C-alpha atoms as a PDB file:
ATOM      1  CA  UNK A   1     -37.889  45.541  -3.466  1.00  0.00           C
ATOM      2  CA  UNK A   2     -34.865  46.189  -5.440  1.00  0.00           C
ATOM      3  CA  UNK A   3     -32.688  45.726  -2.236  1.00  0.00           C
ATOM      4  CA  UNK A   4     -34.553  42.231  -1.492  1.00  0.00           C
ATOM      5  CA  UNK A   5     -34.332  40.966  -4.960  1.00  0.00           C
ATOM      6  CA  UNK A   6     -30.485  41.859  -4.905  1.00  0.00           C
ATOM      7  CA  UNK A   7     -30.029  40.377  -1.718  1.00  0.00           C
ATOM      8  CA  UNK A   8     -32.039  37.159  -3.020  1.00  0.00           C
ATOM      9  CA  UNK A   9     -29.617  36.875  -5.705  1.00  0.00           C
ATOM     10  CA  UNK A  10     -26.626  37.296  -3.709  1.00  0.00           C
ATOM     11  CA  UNK A  11     -27.942  34.788  -1.296  1.00  0.00           C
ATOM     12  CA  UNK A  12     -28.585  32.277  -4.173  1.00  0.00           C
ATOM     13  CA  UNK A  13     -25.247  32.927  -5.954  1.00  0.00           C
ATOM     14  CA  UNK A  14     -23.552  32.238  -2.532  1.00  0.00           C
ATOM     15  CA  UNK A  15     -25.612  28.744  -2.225  1.00  0.00           C
ATOM     16  CA  UNK A  16     -24.343  27.996  -5.545  1.00  0.00           C
ATOM     17  CA  UNK A  17     -20.865  28.679  -4.750  1.00  0.00           C
ATOM     18  CA  UNK A  18     -20.999  26.416  -1.546  1.00  0.00           C
ATOM     19  CA  UNK A  19     -22.599  23.658  -3.439  1.00  0.00           C
ATOM     20  CA  UNK A  20     -19.935  24.037  -6.107  1.00  0.00           C
ATOM     21  CA  UNK A  21     -17.170  23.890  -3.612  1.00  0.00           C
ATOM     22  CA  UNK A  22     -18.658  21.022  -1.781  1.00  0.00           C
ATOM     23  CA  UNK A  23     -19.280  19.044  -4.696  1.00  0.00           C
ATOM     24  CA  UNK A  24     -16.090  19.311  -6.185  1.00  0.00           C
ATOM     25  CA  UNK A  25     -14.438  18.991  -2.915  1.00  0.00           C
ATOM     26  CA  UNK A  26     -16.184  15.523  -2.751  1.00  0.00           C
ATOM     27  CA  UNK A  27     -15.461  14.599  -6.210  1.00  0.00           C
ATOM     28  CA  UNK A  28     -11.714  15.166  -5.544  1.00  0.00           C
ATOM     29  CA  UNK A  29     -11.848  13.462  -2.116  1.00  0.00           C
ATOM     30  CA  UNK A  30     -13.887  10.554  -3.413  1.00  0.00           C
ATOM     31  CA  UNK A  31     -11.496  10.150  -6.229  1.00  0.00           C
ATOM     32  CA  UNK A  32     -14.392  10.490  -8.986  1.00  0.00           C
ATOM     33  CA  UNK A  33     -12.064  12.558 -11.117  1.00  0.00           C
ATOM     34  CA  UNK A  34      -9.661   9.795 -11.866  1.00  0.00           C
ATOM     35  CA  UNK A  35     -10.310   7.785 -14.882  1.00  0.00           C
ATOM     36  CA  UNK A  36      -7.778   5.050 -14.483  1.00  0.00           C
ATOM     37  CA  UNK A  37      -9.132   3.849 -11.185  1.00  0.00           C
ATOM     38  CA  UNK A  38     -12.660   3.428  -9.302  1.00  0.00           C
ATOM     39  CA  UNK A  39     -12.907   5.623  -6.069  1.00  0.00           C
ATOM     40  CA  UNK A  40     -12.453   2.211  -4.290  1.00  0.00           C
ATOM     41  CA  UNK A  41      -9.024   1.820  -5.826  1.00  0.00           C
ATOM     42  CA  UNK A  42      -9.950  -1.104  -8.755  1.00  0.00           C
ATOM     43  CA  UNK A  43      -8.024  -0.219 -11.897  1.00  0.00           C
ATOM     44  CA  UNK A  44     -10.786   0.500 -14.244  1.00  0.00           C
ATOM     45  CA  UNK A  45     -12.987   3.396 -15.024  1.00  0.00           C
ATOM     46  CA  UNK A  46     -16.138   4.024 -13.083  1.00  0.00           C
ATOM     47  CA  UNK A  47     -18.377   3.109 -16.089  1.00  0.00           C
ATOM     48  CA  UNK A  48     -16.624  -0.031 -16.614  1.00  0.00           C
ATOM     49  CA  UNK A  49     -17.120  -1.088 -12.845  1.00  0.00           C
ATOM     50  CA  UNK A  50     -20.613  -0.125 -12.909  1.00  0.00           C
ATOM     51  CA  UNK A  51     -21.173  -2.095 -16.186  1.00  0.00           C
ATOM     52  CA  UNK A  52     -19.722  -5.203 -14.726  1.00  0.00           C
ATOM     53  CA  UNK A  53     -21.505  -5.028 -11.513  1.00  0.00           C
ATOM     54  CA  UNK A  54     -24.846  -4.618 -13.246  1.00  0.00           C
ATOM     55  CA  UNK A  55     -24.032  -7.531 -15.516  1.00  0.00           C
ATOM     56  CA  UNK A  56     -23.917  -9.421 -12.159  1.00  0.00           C
ATOM     57  CA  UNK A  57     -27.481  -9.477 -12.194  1.00  0.00           C
ATOM     58  CA  UNK A  58     -27.707 -11.327 -15.682  1.00  0.00           C
ATOM     59  CA  UNK A  59     -27.176 -10.570 -19.166  1.00  0.00           C
ATOM     60  CA  UNK A  60     -28.206  -7.489 -20.786  1.00  0.00           C
ATOM     61  CA  UNK A  61     -28.664  -5.627 -24.363  1.00  0.00           C
ATOM     62  CA  UNK A  62     -26.295  -2.946 -24.908  1.00  0.00           C
ATOM     63  CA  UNK A  63     -29.373  -0.445 -24.868  1.00  0.00           C
ATOM     64  CA  UNK A  64     -30.087  -1.626 -21.326  1.00  0.00           C
ATOM     65  CA  UNK A  65     -26.560  -0.940 -20.145  1.00  0.00           C
ATOM     66  CA  UNK A  66     -26.786   2.684 -22.086  1.00  0.00           C
ATOM     67  CA  UNK A  67     -30.099   3.545 -19.987  1.00  0.00           C
ATOM     68  CA  UNK A  68     -28.637   2.246 -16.770  1.00  0.00           C
ATOM     69  CA  UNK A  69     -25.342   3.974 -16.914  1.00  0.00           C
ATOM     70  CA  UNK A  70     -26.848   7.197 -18.561  1.00  0.00           C
ATOM     71  CA  UNK A  71     -24.341   6.975 -21.342  1.00  0.00           C
ATOM     72  CA  UNK A  72     -24.783   7.225 -25.224  1.00  0.00           C
ATOM     73  CA  UNK A  73     -25.041   4.119 -26.912  1.00  0.00           C
ATOM     74  CA  UNK A  74     -21.898   4.793 -28.859  1.00  0.00           C
ATOM     75  CA  UNK A  75     -19.851   5.285 -25.590  1.00  0.00           C
ATOM     76  CA  UNK A  76     -21.311   2.277 -24.298  1.00  0.00           C
ATOM     77  CA  UNK A  77     -20.033   0.383 -27.482  1.00  0.00           C
ATOM     78  CA  UNK A  78     -16.547   1.511 -26.777  1.00  0.00           C
ATOM     79  CA  UNK A  79     -17.011   0.525 -23.232  1.00  0.00           C
ATOM     80  CA  UNK A  80     -17.739  -2.909 -24.171  1.00  0.00           C
ATOM     81  CA  UNK A  81     -15.248  -3.107 -26.553  1.00  0.00           C
ATOM     82  CA  UNK A  82     -12.861  -2.228 -23.589  1.00  0.00           C
ATOM     83  CA  UNK A  83     -14.569  -4.843 -21.569  1.00  0.00           C
ATOM     84  CA  UNK A  84     -14.237  -7.545 -24.024  1.00  0.00           C
ATOM     85  CA  UNK A  85     -10.587  -6.832 -24.791  1.00  0.00           C
ATOM     86  CA  UNK A  86      -9.802  -7.535 -21.109  1.00  0.00           C
ATOM     87  CA  UNK A  87     -12.011 -10.673 -21.409  1.00  0.00           C
ATOM     88  CA  UNK A  88     -14.678  -9.915 -19.023  1.00  0.00           C
ATOM     89  CA  UNK A  89     -17.495  -9.936 -21.330  1.00  0.00           C
ATOM     90  CA  UNK A  90     -19.150 -11.684 -24.269  1.00  0.00           C
ATOM     91  CA  UNK A  91     -21.657 -11.198 -26.597  1.00  0.00           C
ATOM     92  CA  UNK A  92     -24.501 -14.084 -27.262  1.00  0.00           C
ATOM     93  CA  UNK A  93     -27.781 -14.050 -29.142  1.00  0.00           C
ATOM     94  CA  UNK A  94     -30.590 -12.783 -27.610  1.00  0.00           C
ATOM     95  CA  UNK A  95     -32.746 -15.954 -26.871  1.00  0.00           C
ATOM     96  CA  UNK A  96     -36.020 -13.961 -27.539  1.00  0.00           C
ATOM     97  CA  UNK A  97     -34.795 -11.819 -30.681  1.00  0.00           C
ATOM     98  CA  UNK A  98     -31.996 -13.691 -32.381  1.00  0.00           C
ATOM     99  CA  UNK A  99     -31.136 -10.530 -34.449  1.00  0.00           C
ATOM    100  CA  UNK A 100     -29.978  -8.864 -31.200  1.00  0.00           C
ATOM    101  CA  UNK A 101     -27.282  -9.752 -28.933  1.00  0.00           C
ATOM    102  CA  UNK A 102     -26.966  -9.749 -25.024  1.00  0.00           C
ATOM    103  CA  UNK A 103     -24.089  -8.947 -23.180  1.00  0.00           C
ATOM    104  CA  UNK A 104     -22.805 -11.439 -20.411  1.00  0.00           C
ATOM    105  CA  UNK A 105     -19.905 -11.760 -17.890  1.00  0.00           C
ATOM    106  CA  UNK A 106     -17.181 -14.280 -18.732  1.00  0.00           C
ATOM    107  CA  UNK A 107     -15.775 -16.051 -15.373  1.00  0.00           C
ATOM    108  CA  UNK A 108     -13.152 -13.639 -15.206  1.00  0.00           C
ATOM    109  CA  UNK A 109     -15.530 -10.657 -15.575  1.00  0.00           C
ATOM    110  CA  UNK A 110     -17.748 -12.056 -12.695  1.00  0.00           C
ATOM    111  CA  UNK A 111     -14.592 -12.490 -10.630  1.00  0.00           C
ATOM    112  CA  UNK A 112     -13.789  -8.779 -11.501  1.00  0.00           C
ATOM    113  CA  UNK A 113     -17.054  -7.485 -10.572  1.00  0.00           C
ATOM    114  CA  UNK A 114     -17.221  -9.257  -7.430  1.00  0.00           C
ATOM    115  CA  UNK A 115     -13.709  -7.496  -6.571  1.00  0.00           C
ATOM    116  CA  UNK A 116     -15.336  -4.367  -7.501  1.00  0.00           C
ATOM    117  CA  UNK A 117     -18.279  -4.967  -5.064  1.00  0.00           C
ATOM    118  CA  UNK A 118     -15.946  -5.860  -2.506  1.00  0.00           C
ATOM    119  CA  UNK A 119     -13.649  -2.926  -2.754  1.00  0.00           C
ATOM    120  CA  UNK A 120     -16.821  -0.779  -2.990  1.00  0.00           C
ATOM    121  CA  UNK A 121     -18.385  -2.004   0.266  1.00  0.00           C
ATOM    122  CA  UNK A 122     -15.082  -1.868   2.000  1.00  0.00           C
ATOM    123  CA  UNK A 123     -14.705   1.845   1.021  1.00  0.00           C
ATOM    124  CA  UNK A 124     -18.124   3.026   1.728  1.00  0.00           C
ATOM    125  CA  UNK A 125     -18.069   1.319   5.090  1.00  0.00           C
ATOM    126  CA  UNK A 126     -14.982   3.263   5.958  1.00  0.00           C
ATOM    127  CA  UNK A 127     -16.341   6.280   4.592  1.00  0.00           C
ATOM    128  CA  UNK A 128     -19.649   5.840   6.845  1.00  0.00           C
ATOM    129  CA  UNK A 129     -17.544   5.132   9.886  1.00  0.00           C
ATOM    130  CA  UNK A 130     -16.175   8.594   9.527  1.00  0.00           C
ATOM    131  CA  UNK A 131     -19.470  10.285   9.573  1.00  0.00           C
ATOM    132  CA  UNK A 132     -21.393  10.577  12.924  1.00  0.00           C
ATOM    133  CA  UNK A 133     -24.113   7.849  13.106  1.00  0.00           C
ATOM    134  CA  UNK A 134     -26.974  10.512  13.732  1.00  0.00           C
ATOM    135  CA  UNK A 135     -25.799  12.108  10.327  1.00  0.00           C
ATOM    136  CA  UNK A 136     -25.573   9.095   8.055  1.00  0.00           C
ATOM    137  CA  UNK A 137     -29.482   8.929   6.996  1.00  0.00           C
ATOM    138  CA  UNK A 138     -29.226  12.765   6.144  1.00  0.00           C
ATOM    139  CA  UNK A 139     -26.082  12.198   4.083  1.00  0.00           C
ATOM    140  CA  UNK A 140     -27.713   9.312   2.162  1.00  0.00           C
ATOM    141  CA  UNK A 141     -30.808  11.129   1.608  1.00  0.00           C
ATOM    142  CA  UNK A 142     -29.054  14.399   0.451  1.00  0.00           C
ATOM    143  CA  UNK A 143     -27.271  12.504  -2.035  1.00  0.00           C
ATOM    144  CA  UNK A 144     -30.529  10.965  -3.171  1.00  0.00           C
ATOM    145  CA  UNK A 145     -31.917  14.568  -3.451  1.00  0.00           C
ATOM    146  CA  UNK A 146     -29.164  15.714  -5.414  1.00  0.00           C
ATOM    147  CA  UNK A 147     -29.240  12.921  -7.894  1.00  0.00           C
ATOM    148  CA  UNK A 148     -32.803  13.533  -8.385  1.00  0.00           C
ATOM    149  CA  UNK A 149     -32.306  16.980  -8.902  1.00  0.00           C
ATOM    150  CA  UNK A 150     -29.573  16.494 -11.518  1.00  0.00           C
ATOM    151  CA  UNK A 151     -31.935  14.139 -13.362  1.00  0.00           C
ATOM    152  CA  UNK A 152     -34.751  17.129 -13.628  1.00  0.00           C
ATOM    153  CA  UNK A 153     -32.147  19.887 -14.320  1.00  0.00           C
END
């Protein structure tokens, strides 16, 4: 039995090492390690890009942004300060609760969010074009499984 459990641990360690290398390789190749540019080449952080594109759906409370972006409220507060300094967002009173505020896109913010979406679509289309069509669904499914596992762990 000791040989079996030792081998299982060894196999598991090898799987973890392979996952680590694959994950870090993807992060580097896709450009997720850069803080000054999105993977699709737009000069802003990934969180800024995600916030802008989320706000295309309409106004949101800062707490909603924090939940959607999986960031602490203090981090979202600093993020909103940066977006506001760029002139991309504004605060407006919440129509239901006047004590609260909502974040909305400015015209410039809407244009930037649309630029982000366009660049994202182009980058992901090119990425998919480099993957055999028969493997694409597996890639998307695997990324979903990985994200799901990260939420659990």
